[in-house]
N, C-alpha and C. Protein backbone atom coordinates (compact mmCIF):
# COMPACT_ATOMS: atom_id res chain seq x y z
N UNK A 1 0.85 -1.20 0.00
CA UNK A 1 0.00 0.00 0.00
C UNK A 1 0.89 1.26 0.00
N UNK A 2 0.55 2.21 -0.83
CA UNK A 2 1.34 3.43 -0.96
C UNK A 2 1.19 4.32 0.26
N UNK A 3 2.31 4.84 0.76
CA UNK A 3 2.27 5.75 1.89
C UNK A 3 2.06 7.17 1.40
N UNK A 4 1.76 8.07 2.35
CA UNK A 4 1.57 9.48 2.01
C UNK A 4 2.85 10.06 1.42
N UNK A 5 3.99 9.76 2.03
CA UNK A 5 5.27 10.29 1.54
C UNK A 5 5.56 9.82 0.12
N UNK A 6 5.28 8.55 -0.16
CA UNK A 6 5.50 8.01 -1.50
C UNK A 6 4.60 8.70 -2.52
N UNK A 7 3.34 8.93 -2.14
CA UNK A 7 2.39 9.58 -3.05
C UNK A 7 2.81 11.02 -3.33
N UNK A 8 3.26 11.75 -2.31
CA UNK A 8 3.72 13.12 -2.50
C UNK A 8 4.94 13.16 -3.42
N UNK A 9 5.90 12.27 -3.15
CA UNK A 9 7.11 12.22 -3.98
C UNK A 9 6.75 11.94 -5.44
N UNK A 10 5.82 11.05 -5.66
CA UNK A 10 5.42 10.69 -7.02
C UNK A 10 4.79 11.88 -7.74
N UNK A 11 3.92 12.61 -7.04
CA UNK A 11 3.27 13.77 -7.66
C UNK A 11 4.27 14.88 -7.97
N UNK A 12 5.18 15.13 -7.04
CA UNK A 12 6.15 16.20 -7.24
C UNK A 12 7.13 15.86 -8.35
N UNK A 13 7.53 14.59 -8.42
CA UNK A 13 8.48 14.17 -9.47
C UNK A 13 7.86 14.27 -10.85
N UNK A 14 6.53 14.23 -10.93
CA UNK A 14 5.86 14.36 -12.23
C UNK A 14 5.75 15.81 -12.67
N UNK A 15 6.12 16.73 -11.81
CA UNK A 15 6.07 18.16 -12.14
C UNK A 15 7.43 18.78 -11.85
N UNK A 16 8.34 18.78 -12.83
CA UNK A 16 9.68 19.33 -12.62
C UNK A 16 9.70 20.77 -12.12
N UNK A 17 8.70 21.58 -12.54
CA UNK A 17 8.65 22.96 -12.09
C UNK A 17 8.49 23.02 -10.57
N UNK A 18 7.56 22.21 -10.03
CA UNK A 18 7.33 22.19 -8.59
C UNK A 18 8.58 21.68 -7.88
N UNK A 19 9.15 20.60 -8.41
CA UNK A 19 10.33 20.01 -7.78
C UNK A 19 11.48 21.02 -7.69
N UNK A 20 11.68 21.76 -8.75
CA UNK A 20 12.79 22.71 -8.78
C UNK A 20 12.56 23.87 -7.82
N UNK A 21 11.36 24.45 -7.86
CA UNK A 21 11.08 25.59 -6.97
C UNK A 21 11.06 25.17 -5.51
N UNK A 22 10.61 23.94 -5.24
CA UNK A 22 10.61 23.44 -3.87
C UNK A 22 12.03 23.28 -3.35
N UNK A 23 12.89 22.69 -4.14
CA UNK A 23 14.26 22.44 -3.69
C UNK A 23 15.07 23.72 -3.57
N UNK A 24 14.67 24.76 -4.28
CA UNK A 24 15.38 26.04 -4.20
C UNK A 24 14.73 26.99 -3.21
N UNK A 25 13.72 26.50 -2.47
CA UNK A 25 13.06 27.33 -1.46
C UNK A 25 12.25 28.46 -2.02
N UNK A 26 11.73 28.29 -3.26
CA UNK A 26 11.00 29.37 -3.92
C UNK A 26 9.49 29.18 -3.89
N UNK A 27 9.03 28.17 -3.15
CA UNK A 27 7.60 27.88 -3.09
C UNK A 27 7.19 27.76 -1.63
N UNK A 28 6.01 28.24 -1.33
CA UNK A 28 5.47 28.16 0.03
C UNK A 28 4.96 26.76 0.30
N UNK A 29 5.52 26.08 1.30
CA UNK A 29 5.16 24.69 1.57
C UNK A 29 3.68 24.53 1.93
N UNK A 30 3.14 25.49 2.66
CA UNK A 30 1.73 25.40 3.05
C UNK A 30 0.82 25.49 1.82
N UNK A 31 1.18 26.39 0.91
CA UNK A 31 0.39 26.53 -0.33
C UNK A 31 0.50 25.27 -1.18
N UNK A 32 1.71 24.69 -1.22
CA UNK A 32 1.90 23.45 -1.97
C UNK A 32 1.09 22.32 -1.36
N UNK A 33 1.05 22.25 -0.04
CA UNK A 33 0.27 21.20 0.64
C UNK A 33 -1.21 21.32 0.30
N UNK A 34 -1.73 22.55 0.30
CA UNK A 34 -3.15 22.75 -0.05
C UNK A 34 -3.41 22.40 -1.50
N UNK A 35 -2.44 22.71 -2.35
CA UNK A 35 -2.59 22.39 -3.78
C UNK A 35 -2.62 20.87 -4.00
N UNK A 36 -1.78 20.15 -3.28
CA UNK A 36 -1.68 18.70 -3.46
C UNK A 36 -2.80 17.93 -2.76
N UNK A 37 -3.46 18.55 -1.77
CA UNK A 37 -4.42 17.84 -0.91
C UNK A 37 -5.50 17.08 -1.68
N UNK A 38 -6.22 17.69 -2.64
CA UNK A 38 -7.25 16.93 -3.36
C UNK A 38 -6.67 15.81 -4.23
N UNK A 39 -5.50 16.03 -4.80
CA UNK A 39 -4.87 15.00 -5.63
C UNK A 39 -4.46 13.80 -4.78
N UNK A 40 -3.92 14.09 -3.59
CA UNK A 40 -3.47 13.01 -2.72
C UNK A 40 -4.65 12.24 -2.14
N UNK A 41 -5.70 12.95 -1.79
CA UNK A 41 -6.89 12.28 -1.27
C UNK A 41 -7.47 11.31 -2.31
N UNK A 42 -7.50 11.75 -3.55
CA UNK A 42 -8.00 10.89 -4.62
C UNK A 42 -7.06 9.72 -4.86
N UNK A 43 -5.76 9.98 -4.83
CA UNK A 43 -4.76 8.95 -5.11
C UNK A 43 -4.75 7.86 -4.03
N UNK A 44 -4.90 8.29 -2.77
CA UNK A 44 -4.84 7.35 -1.65
C UNK A 44 -6.21 6.79 -1.28
N UNK A 45 -7.27 7.36 -1.87
CA UNK A 45 -8.61 6.84 -1.61
C UNK A 45 -9.15 7.19 -0.24
N UNK A 46 -8.64 8.24 0.36
CA UNK A 46 -9.12 8.68 1.67
C UNK A 46 -8.76 10.15 1.85
N UNK A 47 -9.47 10.79 2.78
CA UNK A 47 -9.21 12.20 3.07
C UNK A 47 -7.86 12.36 3.76
N UNK A 48 -7.03 13.26 3.21
CA UNK A 48 -5.71 13.52 3.78
C UNK A 48 -5.68 14.95 4.29
N UNK A 49 -5.23 15.13 5.51
CA UNK A 49 -5.19 16.46 6.11
C UNK A 49 -4.00 17.27 5.59
N UNK A 50 -4.21 18.56 5.42
CA UNK A 50 -3.17 19.45 4.92
C UNK A 50 -1.95 19.43 5.84
N UNK A 51 -2.19 19.38 7.14
CA UNK A 51 -1.08 19.37 8.09
C UNK A 51 -0.18 18.16 7.91
N UNK A 52 -0.77 16.99 7.63
CA UNK A 52 0.03 15.78 7.43
C UNK A 52 0.85 15.91 6.15
N UNK A 53 0.26 16.51 5.12
CA UNK A 53 0.98 16.71 3.86
C UNK A 53 2.16 17.66 4.08
N UNK A 54 1.92 18.73 4.82
CA UNK A 54 2.96 19.71 5.09
C UNK A 54 4.15 19.08 5.81
N UNK A 55 3.88 18.24 6.80
CA UNK A 55 4.96 17.58 7.54
C UNK A 55 5.75 16.66 6.62
N UNK A 56 5.04 15.94 5.75
CA UNK A 56 5.71 15.01 4.82
C UNK A 56 6.59 15.76 3.83
N UNK A 57 6.13 16.93 3.37
CA UNK A 57 6.91 17.74 2.43
C UNK A 57 8.21 18.20 3.09
N UNK A 58 8.12 18.64 4.34
CA UNK A 58 9.29 19.13 5.06
C UNK A 58 10.33 18.04 5.28
N UNK A 59 9.88 16.78 5.35
CA UNK A 59 10.79 15.67 5.61
C UNK A 59 11.37 15.07 4.32
N UNK A 60 10.94 15.57 3.18
CA UNK A 60 11.42 15.00 1.92
C UNK A 60 12.90 15.25 1.73
N UNK A 61 13.68 14.24 1.34
CA UNK A 61 15.10 14.44 1.04
C UNK A 61 15.26 15.09 -0.32
N UNK A 62 16.28 15.92 -0.47
CA UNK A 62 16.51 16.63 -1.73
C UNK A 62 17.83 16.24 -2.38
N UNK A 63 18.44 15.18 -1.90
CA UNK A 63 19.79 14.82 -2.38
C UNK A 63 19.82 14.49 -3.86
N UNK A 64 18.81 13.76 -4.36
CA UNK A 64 18.80 13.38 -5.78
C UNK A 64 18.73 14.60 -6.67
N UNK A 65 17.86 15.55 -6.32
CA UNK A 65 17.72 16.75 -7.14
C UNK A 65 19.00 17.58 -7.11
N UNK A 66 19.57 17.74 -5.90
CA UNK A 66 20.79 18.54 -5.79
C UNK A 66 21.94 17.93 -6.56
N UNK A 67 21.98 16.58 -6.58
CA UNK A 67 23.02 15.89 -7.34
C UNK A 67 22.83 16.15 -8.83
N UNK A 68 21.57 16.10 -9.29
CA UNK A 68 21.29 16.36 -10.70
C UNK A 68 21.63 17.80 -11.06
N UNK A 69 21.29 18.75 -10.18
CA UNK A 69 21.56 20.16 -10.45
C UNK A 69 23.05 20.42 -10.59
N UNK A 70 23.85 19.81 -9.72
CA UNK A 70 25.30 19.96 -9.79
C UNK A 70 25.85 19.35 -11.07
N UNK A 71 25.32 18.18 -11.44
CA UNK A 71 25.76 17.51 -12.66
C UNK A 71 25.44 18.36 -13.89
N UNK A 72 24.24 18.96 -13.91
CA UNK A 72 23.83 19.78 -15.06
C UNK A 72 24.66 21.07 -15.14
N UNK A 73 25.00 21.63 -13.99
CA UNK A 73 25.82 22.84 -13.99
C UNK A 73 27.19 22.55 -14.60
N UNK A 74 27.77 21.42 -14.24
CA UNK A 74 29.06 21.01 -14.82
C UNK A 74 28.92 20.77 -16.32
N UNK A 75 27.80 20.13 -16.71
CA UNK A 75 27.54 19.82 -18.11
C UNK A 75 27.45 21.09 -18.95
N UNK A 76 26.69 22.08 -18.47
CA UNK A 76 26.46 23.30 -19.24
C UNK A 76 27.75 24.06 -19.50
N UNK A 77 28.68 23.98 -18.56
CA UNK A 77 29.95 24.66 -18.74
C UNK A 77 30.79 24.01 -19.84
N UNK A 78 30.43 22.78 -20.23
CA UNK A 78 31.18 22.06 -21.26
C UNK A 78 30.54 22.20 -22.65
N UNK A 79 29.46 22.97 -22.75
CA UNK A 79 28.84 23.16 -24.06
C UNK A 79 29.85 23.71 -25.05
N UNK A 80 29.81 23.18 -26.26
CA UNK A 80 30.75 23.62 -27.29
C UNK A 80 30.25 24.81 -28.07
N UNK A 81 30.55 24.82 -29.36
CA UNK A 81 30.18 25.94 -30.23
C UNK A 81 28.66 26.12 -30.28
N UNK A 82 28.26 27.34 -30.50
CA UNK A 82 26.85 27.69 -30.69
C UNK A 82 26.70 28.26 -32.09
N UNK A 83 25.86 27.65 -32.89
CA UNK A 83 25.71 28.06 -34.29
C UNK A 83 24.30 28.62 -34.50
N UNK A 84 24.22 29.83 -34.99
CA UNK A 84 22.93 30.48 -35.24
C UNK A 84 22.67 30.55 -36.74
N UNK A 85 21.47 30.18 -37.13
CA UNK A 85 21.08 30.27 -38.55
C UNK A 85 19.76 31.02 -38.65
N UNK A 86 19.62 31.77 -39.73
CA UNK A 86 18.39 32.52 -39.95
C UNK A 86 17.81 32.17 -41.32
N UNK A 87 16.64 32.73 -41.61
CA UNK A 87 15.97 32.51 -42.91
C UNK A 87 15.74 31.03 -43.18
N UNK A 88 15.06 30.38 -42.26
CA UNK A 88 14.69 28.97 -42.44
C UNK A 88 13.20 28.85 -42.73
N UNK A 89 12.85 27.77 -43.44
CA UNK A 89 11.45 27.48 -43.76
C UNK A 89 11.16 26.03 -43.39
N UNK A 90 10.00 25.81 -42.78
CA UNK A 90 9.58 24.46 -42.42
C UNK A 90 8.41 24.02 -43.31
N UNK A 91 8.51 22.80 -43.84
CA UNK A 91 7.43 22.20 -44.61
C UNK A 91 7.05 20.87 -43.95
N UNK A 92 5.77 20.58 -43.91
CA UNK A 92 5.32 19.25 -43.49
C UNK A 92 4.46 18.67 -44.60
N UNK A 93 4.81 17.45 -45.02
CA UNK A 93 4.08 16.76 -46.08
C UNK A 93 3.51 15.46 -45.55
N UNK A 94 2.35 15.08 -46.08
CA UNK A 94 1.80 13.77 -45.73
C UNK A 94 2.65 12.69 -46.38
N UNK A 95 2.98 11.65 -45.62
CA UNK A 95 3.80 10.57 -46.16
C UNK A 95 3.16 9.91 -47.37
N UNK A 96 3.98 9.61 -48.36
CA UNK A 96 3.49 8.97 -49.58
C UNK A 96 4.56 8.02 -50.11
N UNK A 97 4.23 7.28 -51.14
CA UNK A 97 5.18 6.35 -51.74
C UNK A 97 6.31 7.06 -52.47
N UNK A 98 6.08 8.30 -52.85
CA UNK A 98 7.07 9.04 -53.64
C UNK A 98 7.92 10.01 -52.81
N UNK A 99 7.55 10.21 -51.56
CA UNK A 99 8.19 11.25 -50.76
C UNK A 99 9.68 10.99 -50.52
N UNK A 100 10.04 9.76 -50.21
CA UNK A 100 11.44 9.44 -49.95
C UNK A 100 12.31 9.64 -51.18
N UNK A 101 11.78 9.29 -52.33
CA UNK A 101 12.52 9.47 -53.58
C UNK A 101 12.78 10.95 -53.84
N UNK A 102 11.77 11.78 -53.56
CA UNK A 102 11.92 13.22 -53.76
C UNK A 102 12.93 13.81 -52.77
N UNK A 103 12.93 13.30 -51.55
CA UNK A 103 13.93 13.75 -50.57
C UNK A 103 15.34 13.44 -51.07
N UNK A 104 15.51 12.26 -51.64
CA UNK A 104 16.82 11.86 -52.17
C UNK A 104 17.25 12.80 -53.30
N UNK A 105 16.31 13.19 -54.14
CA UNK A 105 16.63 14.11 -55.23
C UNK A 105 17.05 15.48 -54.68
N UNK A 106 16.36 15.94 -53.64
CA UNK A 106 16.70 17.22 -53.03
C UNK A 106 18.10 17.17 -52.42
N UNK A 107 18.40 16.08 -51.74
CA UNK A 107 19.73 15.93 -51.14
C UNK A 107 20.82 15.92 -52.21
N UNK A 108 20.53 15.30 -53.33
CA UNK A 108 21.49 15.25 -54.42
C UNK A 108 21.76 16.64 -54.98
N UNK A 109 20.70 17.46 -55.05
CA UNK A 109 20.84 18.81 -55.60
C UNK A 109 21.71 19.70 -54.71
N UNK A 110 21.66 19.48 -53.41
CA UNK A 110 22.38 20.38 -52.49
C UNK A 110 23.61 19.72 -51.87
N UNK A 111 23.95 18.55 -52.36
CA UNK A 111 25.02 17.76 -51.76
C UNK A 111 26.35 18.50 -51.68
N UNK A 112 26.66 19.30 -52.65
CA UNK A 112 27.97 19.96 -52.71
C UNK A 112 28.02 21.30 -51.99
N UNK A 113 26.89 21.76 -51.49
CA UNK A 113 26.84 23.06 -50.84
C UNK A 113 26.53 22.89 -49.35
N UNK A 114 27.54 23.06 -48.51
CA UNK A 114 27.37 22.87 -47.08
C UNK A 114 26.84 24.11 -46.37
N UNK A 115 26.62 25.18 -47.13
CA UNK A 115 26.12 26.41 -46.52
C UNK A 115 24.63 26.36 -46.22
N UNK A 116 23.94 25.41 -46.85
CA UNK A 116 22.50 25.31 -46.67
C UNK A 116 22.16 24.45 -45.46
N UNK A 117 21.15 24.89 -44.73
CA UNK A 117 20.63 24.07 -43.62
C UNK A 117 19.54 23.17 -44.17
N UNK A 118 19.58 21.91 -43.81
CA UNK A 118 18.48 21.01 -44.20
C UNK A 118 18.35 19.91 -43.15
N UNK A 119 17.12 19.65 -42.76
CA UNK A 119 16.83 18.64 -41.75
C UNK A 119 15.55 17.93 -42.13
N UNK A 120 15.49 16.61 -41.86
CA UNK A 120 14.34 15.80 -42.23
C UNK A 120 13.91 14.96 -41.04
N UNK A 121 12.64 14.91 -40.79
CA UNK A 121 12.10 14.06 -39.72
C UNK A 121 10.85 13.36 -40.24
N UNK A 122 10.93 12.03 -40.34
CA UNK A 122 9.81 11.25 -40.85
C UNK A 122 9.03 10.65 -39.69
N UNK A 123 7.78 11.01 -39.59
CA UNK A 123 6.90 10.45 -38.57
C UNK A 123 6.07 9.31 -39.14
N UNK A 124 5.09 8.89 -38.40
CA UNK A 124 4.23 7.79 -38.84
C UNK A 124 3.38 8.20 -40.04
N UNK A 125 2.86 9.42 -40.01
CA UNK A 125 1.95 9.86 -41.06
C UNK A 125 2.44 11.07 -41.86
N UNK A 126 3.44 11.76 -41.36
CA UNK A 126 3.91 12.94 -42.07
C UNK A 126 5.41 13.12 -41.91
N UNK A 127 5.97 13.92 -42.80
CA UNK A 127 7.40 14.20 -42.79
C UNK A 127 7.61 15.71 -42.75
N UNK A 128 8.52 16.14 -41.88
CA UNK A 128 8.84 17.56 -41.76
C UNK A 128 10.22 17.81 -42.36
N UNK A 129 10.30 18.84 -43.18
CA UNK A 129 11.56 19.24 -43.81
C UNK A 129 11.81 20.69 -43.44
N UNK A 130 13.00 20.97 -42.89
CA UNK A 130 13.39 22.34 -42.57
C UNK A 130 14.62 22.67 -43.40
N UNK A 131 14.54 23.74 -44.16
CA UNK A 131 15.63 24.10 -45.06
C UNK A 131 15.88 25.60 -45.04
N UNK A 132 17.04 26.00 -45.55
CA UNK A 132 17.33 27.41 -45.75
C UNK A 132 16.35 27.99 -46.77
N UNK A 133 16.02 29.24 -46.61
CA UNK A 133 15.07 29.89 -47.51
C UNK A 133 15.52 29.81 -48.96
N UNK A 134 16.83 29.81 -49.18
CA UNK A 134 17.37 29.74 -50.54
C UNK A 134 16.97 28.46 -51.27
N UNK A 135 16.55 27.44 -50.51
CA UNK A 135 16.16 26.16 -51.12
C UNK A 135 14.65 26.04 -51.33
N UNK A 136 13.92 27.06 -50.96
CA UNK A 136 12.45 26.96 -51.02
C UNK A 136 11.92 26.66 -52.42
N UNK A 137 12.53 27.27 -53.44
CA UNK A 137 12.07 27.01 -54.81
C UNK A 137 12.31 25.55 -55.19
N UNK A 138 13.47 24.99 -54.79
CA UNK A 138 13.76 23.59 -55.08
C UNK A 138 12.73 22.69 -54.42
N UNK A 139 12.44 22.96 -53.15
CA UNK A 139 11.49 22.13 -52.40
C UNK A 139 10.10 22.22 -53.03
N UNK A 140 9.64 23.40 -53.28
CA UNK A 140 8.27 23.57 -53.76
C UNK A 140 8.09 23.05 -55.18
N UNK A 141 9.17 23.06 -55.96
CA UNK A 141 9.08 22.48 -57.30
C UNK A 141 9.09 20.95 -57.23
N UNK A 142 10.03 20.41 -56.47
CA UNK A 142 10.15 18.95 -56.35
C UNK A 142 8.90 18.32 -55.73
N UNK A 143 8.36 18.97 -54.70
CA UNK A 143 7.26 18.39 -53.93
C UNK A 143 5.90 18.97 -54.33
N UNK A 144 5.82 19.52 -55.51
CA UNK A 144 4.59 20.21 -55.93
C UNK A 144 3.36 19.29 -55.98
N UNK A 145 3.60 18.01 -56.20
CA UNK A 145 2.46 17.07 -56.28
C UNK A 145 2.19 16.35 -54.96
N UNK A 146 2.95 16.71 -53.93
CA UNK A 146 2.74 16.08 -52.62
C UNK A 146 1.71 16.88 -51.82
N UNK A 147 1.15 16.23 -50.81
CA UNK A 147 0.13 16.85 -49.97
C UNK A 147 0.81 17.65 -48.85
N UNK A 148 0.91 18.97 -49.04
CA UNK A 148 1.55 19.81 -48.04
C UNK A 148 0.56 20.10 -46.91
N UNK A 149 0.97 19.81 -45.68
CA UNK A 149 0.12 20.03 -44.53
C UNK A 149 0.31 21.43 -43.97
N UNK A 150 1.55 21.86 -43.93
CA UNK A 150 1.84 23.17 -43.38
C UNK A 150 3.14 23.70 -43.96
N UNK A 151 3.20 25.03 -44.07
CA UNK A 151 4.44 25.72 -44.44
C UNK A 151 4.60 26.88 -43.47
N UNK A 152 5.78 26.98 -42.87
CA UNK A 152 6.03 28.04 -41.90
C UNK A 152 7.37 28.69 -42.20
N UNK A 153 7.38 30.01 -42.40
CA UNK A 153 8.64 30.69 -42.70
C UNK A 153 8.99 31.65 -41.56
N UNK A 154 9.97 32.52 -41.79
CA UNK A 154 10.44 33.45 -40.77
C UNK A 154 10.93 32.71 -39.53
N UNK A 155 11.72 31.65 -39.77
CA UNK A 155 12.25 30.84 -38.67
C UNK A 155 13.76 31.01 -38.57
N UNK A 156 14.28 30.76 -37.38
CA UNK A 156 15.73 30.76 -37.14
C UNK A 156 16.05 29.59 -36.22
N UNK A 157 17.34 29.28 -36.09
CA UNK A 157 17.72 28.16 -35.24
C UNK A 157 19.00 28.44 -34.48
N UNK A 158 19.13 27.78 -33.34
CA UNK A 158 20.36 27.79 -32.55
C UNK A 158 20.78 26.34 -32.37
N UNK A 159 21.99 26.01 -32.78
CA UNK A 159 22.51 24.65 -32.63
C UNK A 159 23.56 24.64 -31.53
N UNK A 160 23.40 23.73 -30.57
CA UNK A 160 24.35 23.59 -29.47
C UNK A 160 25.16 22.32 -29.69
N UNK A 161 26.45 22.43 -29.59
CA UNK A 161 27.32 21.27 -29.67
C UNK A 161 27.49 20.72 -28.25
N UNK A 162 27.00 19.51 -28.03
CA UNK A 162 26.97 18.93 -26.70
C UNK A 162 28.22 18.10 -26.42
N UNK A 163 28.68 18.10 -25.17
CA UNK A 163 29.83 17.26 -24.82
C UNK A 163 29.46 15.78 -24.88
N UNK A 164 30.44 14.92 -24.92
CA UNK A 164 30.19 13.49 -25.08
C UNK A 164 29.41 12.88 -23.92
N UNK A 165 29.49 13.50 -22.75
CA UNK A 165 28.75 12.96 -21.60
C UNK A 165 27.25 13.19 -21.74
N UNK A 166 26.83 13.85 -22.81
CA UNK A 166 25.41 14.11 -23.05
C UNK A 166 24.58 12.84 -22.94
N UNK A 167 25.07 11.74 -23.50
CA UNK A 167 24.29 10.50 -23.56
C UNK A 167 24.12 9.86 -22.19
N UNK A 168 24.92 10.27 -21.21
CA UNK A 168 24.86 9.67 -19.88
C UNK A 168 24.42 10.65 -18.80
N UNK A 169 23.96 11.83 -19.20
CA UNK A 169 23.53 12.85 -18.25
C UNK A 169 22.03 13.08 -18.40
N UNK A 170 21.27 12.78 -17.34
CA UNK A 170 19.83 12.97 -17.46
C UNK A 170 19.43 14.39 -17.07
N UNK A 171 18.33 14.86 -17.66
CA UNK A 171 17.84 16.20 -17.37
C UNK A 171 18.39 17.28 -18.27
N UNK A 172 19.23 16.90 -19.26
CA UNK A 172 19.86 17.90 -20.12
C UNK A 172 18.83 18.68 -20.93
N UNK A 173 17.97 17.96 -21.65
CA UNK A 173 16.99 18.65 -22.50
C UNK A 173 16.00 19.45 -21.66
N UNK A 174 15.60 18.89 -20.52
CA UNK A 174 14.68 19.62 -19.64
C UNK A 174 15.30 20.93 -19.20
N UNK A 175 16.57 20.89 -18.81
CA UNK A 175 17.25 22.08 -18.33
C UNK A 175 17.28 23.17 -19.40
N UNK A 176 17.45 22.75 -20.66
CA UNK A 176 17.50 23.72 -21.76
C UNK A 176 16.11 24.23 -22.12
N UNK A 177 15.17 23.30 -22.27
CA UNK A 177 13.85 23.67 -22.77
C UNK A 177 13.02 24.43 -21.74
N UNK A 178 13.25 24.18 -20.45
CA UNK A 178 12.47 24.90 -19.42
C UNK A 178 12.74 26.39 -19.50
N UNK A 179 13.99 26.77 -19.87
CA UNK A 179 14.32 28.19 -19.97
C UNK A 179 13.46 28.88 -21.03
N UNK A 180 13.23 28.17 -22.13
CA UNK A 180 12.39 28.74 -23.19
C UNK A 180 10.94 28.88 -22.71
N UNK A 181 10.47 27.85 -22.00
CA UNK A 181 9.08 27.87 -21.51
C UNK A 181 8.89 29.02 -20.52
N UNK A 182 9.83 29.20 -19.61
CA UNK A 182 9.71 30.26 -18.62
C UNK A 182 9.74 31.65 -19.24
N UNK A 183 10.40 31.77 -20.38
CA UNK A 183 10.48 33.07 -21.06
C UNK A 183 9.35 33.25 -22.07
N UNK A 184 8.47 32.27 -22.15
CA UNK A 184 7.33 32.36 -23.07
C UNK A 184 7.73 32.29 -24.53
N UNK A 185 8.82 31.57 -24.82
CA UNK A 185 9.29 31.43 -26.20
C UNK A 185 8.72 30.17 -26.81
N UNK A 186 8.07 30.31 -27.94
CA UNK A 186 7.46 29.17 -28.61
C UNK A 186 8.51 28.38 -29.37
N UNK A 187 8.66 27.12 -29.03
CA UNK A 187 9.62 26.25 -29.70
C UNK A 187 8.93 25.56 -30.87
N UNK A 188 9.40 25.84 -32.09
CA UNK A 188 8.77 25.29 -33.28
C UNK A 188 9.17 23.82 -33.48
N UNK A 189 10.46 23.54 -33.42
CA UNK A 189 10.96 22.18 -33.61
C UNK A 189 12.24 21.97 -32.79
N UNK A 190 12.50 20.73 -32.43
CA UNK A 190 13.77 20.32 -31.84
C UNK A 190 14.37 19.25 -32.74
N UNK A 191 15.58 19.47 -33.21
CA UNK A 191 16.28 18.50 -34.05
C UNK A 191 17.53 18.08 -33.29
N UNK A 192 17.70 16.78 -33.07
CA UNK A 192 18.86 16.36 -32.28
C UNK A 192 19.58 15.17 -32.90
N UNK A 193 20.87 15.11 -32.62
CA UNK A 193 21.71 13.95 -32.93
C UNK A 193 22.40 13.58 -31.63
N UNK A 194 23.35 12.67 -31.69
CA UNK A 194 24.01 12.23 -30.46
C UNK A 194 24.66 13.38 -29.71
N UNK A 195 25.27 14.32 -30.44
CA UNK A 195 26.03 15.37 -29.77
C UNK A 195 25.65 16.78 -30.25
N UNK A 196 24.44 16.92 -30.78
CA UNK A 196 23.95 18.23 -31.19
C UNK A 196 22.47 18.33 -30.86
N UNK A 197 22.04 19.54 -30.51
CA UNK A 197 20.61 19.82 -30.41
C UNK A 197 20.36 21.16 -31.09
N UNK A 198 19.40 21.17 -31.99
CA UNK A 198 19.05 22.38 -32.72
C UNK A 198 17.65 22.82 -32.31
N UNK A 199 17.54 24.05 -31.86
CA UNK A 199 16.26 24.62 -31.45
C UNK A 199 15.77 25.55 -32.56
N UNK A 200 14.63 25.24 -33.13
CA UNK A 200 14.06 26.06 -34.20
C UNK A 200 12.95 26.92 -33.61
N UNK A 201 13.08 28.23 -33.77
CA UNK A 201 12.12 29.16 -33.18
C UNK A 201 11.73 30.22 -34.21
N UNK A 202 10.76 31.02 -33.84
CA UNK A 202 10.40 32.15 -34.70
C UNK A 202 11.56 33.15 -34.75
N UNK A 203 11.73 33.77 -35.89
CA UNK A 203 12.84 34.70 -36.10
C UNK A 203 12.90 35.78 -35.02
N UNK A 204 11.73 36.25 -34.57
CA UNK A 204 11.70 37.33 -33.58
C UNK A 204 12.25 36.91 -32.22
N UNK A 205 12.34 35.58 -31.98
CA UNK A 205 12.79 35.09 -30.68
C UNK A 205 14.27 34.70 -30.65
N UNK A 206 14.95 34.77 -31.77
CA UNK A 206 16.30 34.20 -31.84
C UNK A 206 17.29 34.91 -30.91
N UNK A 207 17.19 36.21 -30.77
CA UNK A 207 18.12 36.93 -29.88
C UNK A 207 17.94 36.49 -28.44
N UNK A 208 16.69 36.31 -28.03
CA UNK A 208 16.41 35.89 -26.66
C UNK A 208 16.92 34.47 -26.41
N UNK A 209 16.75 33.59 -27.40
CA UNK A 209 17.22 32.21 -27.27
C UNK A 209 18.74 32.18 -27.16
N UNK A 210 19.41 32.95 -28.00
CA UNK A 210 20.88 32.99 -27.95
C UNK A 210 21.36 33.49 -26.59
N UNK A 211 20.72 34.51 -26.05
CA UNK A 211 21.12 35.04 -24.75
C UNK A 211 20.92 34.00 -23.65
N UNK A 212 19.81 33.26 -23.72
CA UNK A 212 19.55 32.22 -22.73
C UNK A 212 20.62 31.13 -22.77
N UNK A 213 20.99 30.74 -23.97
CA UNK A 213 22.01 29.70 -24.13
C UNK A 213 23.34 30.17 -23.56
N UNK A 214 23.71 31.41 -23.84
CA UNK A 214 24.96 31.95 -23.33
C UNK A 214 24.94 32.01 -21.79
N UNK A 215 23.79 32.35 -21.23
CA UNK A 215 23.66 32.38 -19.77
C UNK A 215 23.83 30.98 -19.19
N UNK A 216 23.30 29.96 -19.88
CA UNK A 216 23.42 28.59 -19.40
C UNK A 216 24.87 28.14 -19.39
N UNK A 217 25.64 28.59 -20.35
CA UNK A 217 27.07 28.24 -20.39
C UNK A 217 27.83 28.83 -19.22
N UNK A 218 27.26 29.92 -18.65
CA UNK A 218 27.94 30.59 -17.54
C UNK A 218 27.36 30.19 -16.19
N UNK A 219 26.53 29.13 -16.18
CA UNK A 219 25.89 28.68 -14.93
C UNK A 219 26.94 28.37 -13.84
């Protein structure tokens, strides 16, 4: 049978924002206890008093979070080059039998020019292509007979070169993406490889994103 402490820990761990503000002393414990009270009562199948919740919150250990925070701070200081690109366009097409062949043709056309940005993500039902604006005519000509779901322009991107420990450090993407959420920046796409993450945002937000990334490097 689940205890009150276990239930509280489970609820808090499902909300990284609460966990972070709690561990940094930025949230009122009494208010948090009142907020959690109806959820805990439902979860445990009985009425739980706010006072009991408050006592359990105060007794919660914070070692795991503090260990993660220290690890992430070390990680951010190891971030490599930051590459900013502007004038990007995003296309989404419905998957078809001909789409992969057309992608191959597009890649062949731009193979010798490394100045162009191009990224492809194939989902179950649709494929997203993000390219430099200079390639828009090539894309729209090649894919003219495909079912275009959406086209979005006026985009920019920031690419972060991640250290090799990226694959063994948990919380990395959360640490980066939460900064955008807190600043009210709309994230259009995330493109990642083993040691790179590219954040695609609206052109108007690129300066703010770059500043946030630079601040993270100085954590």
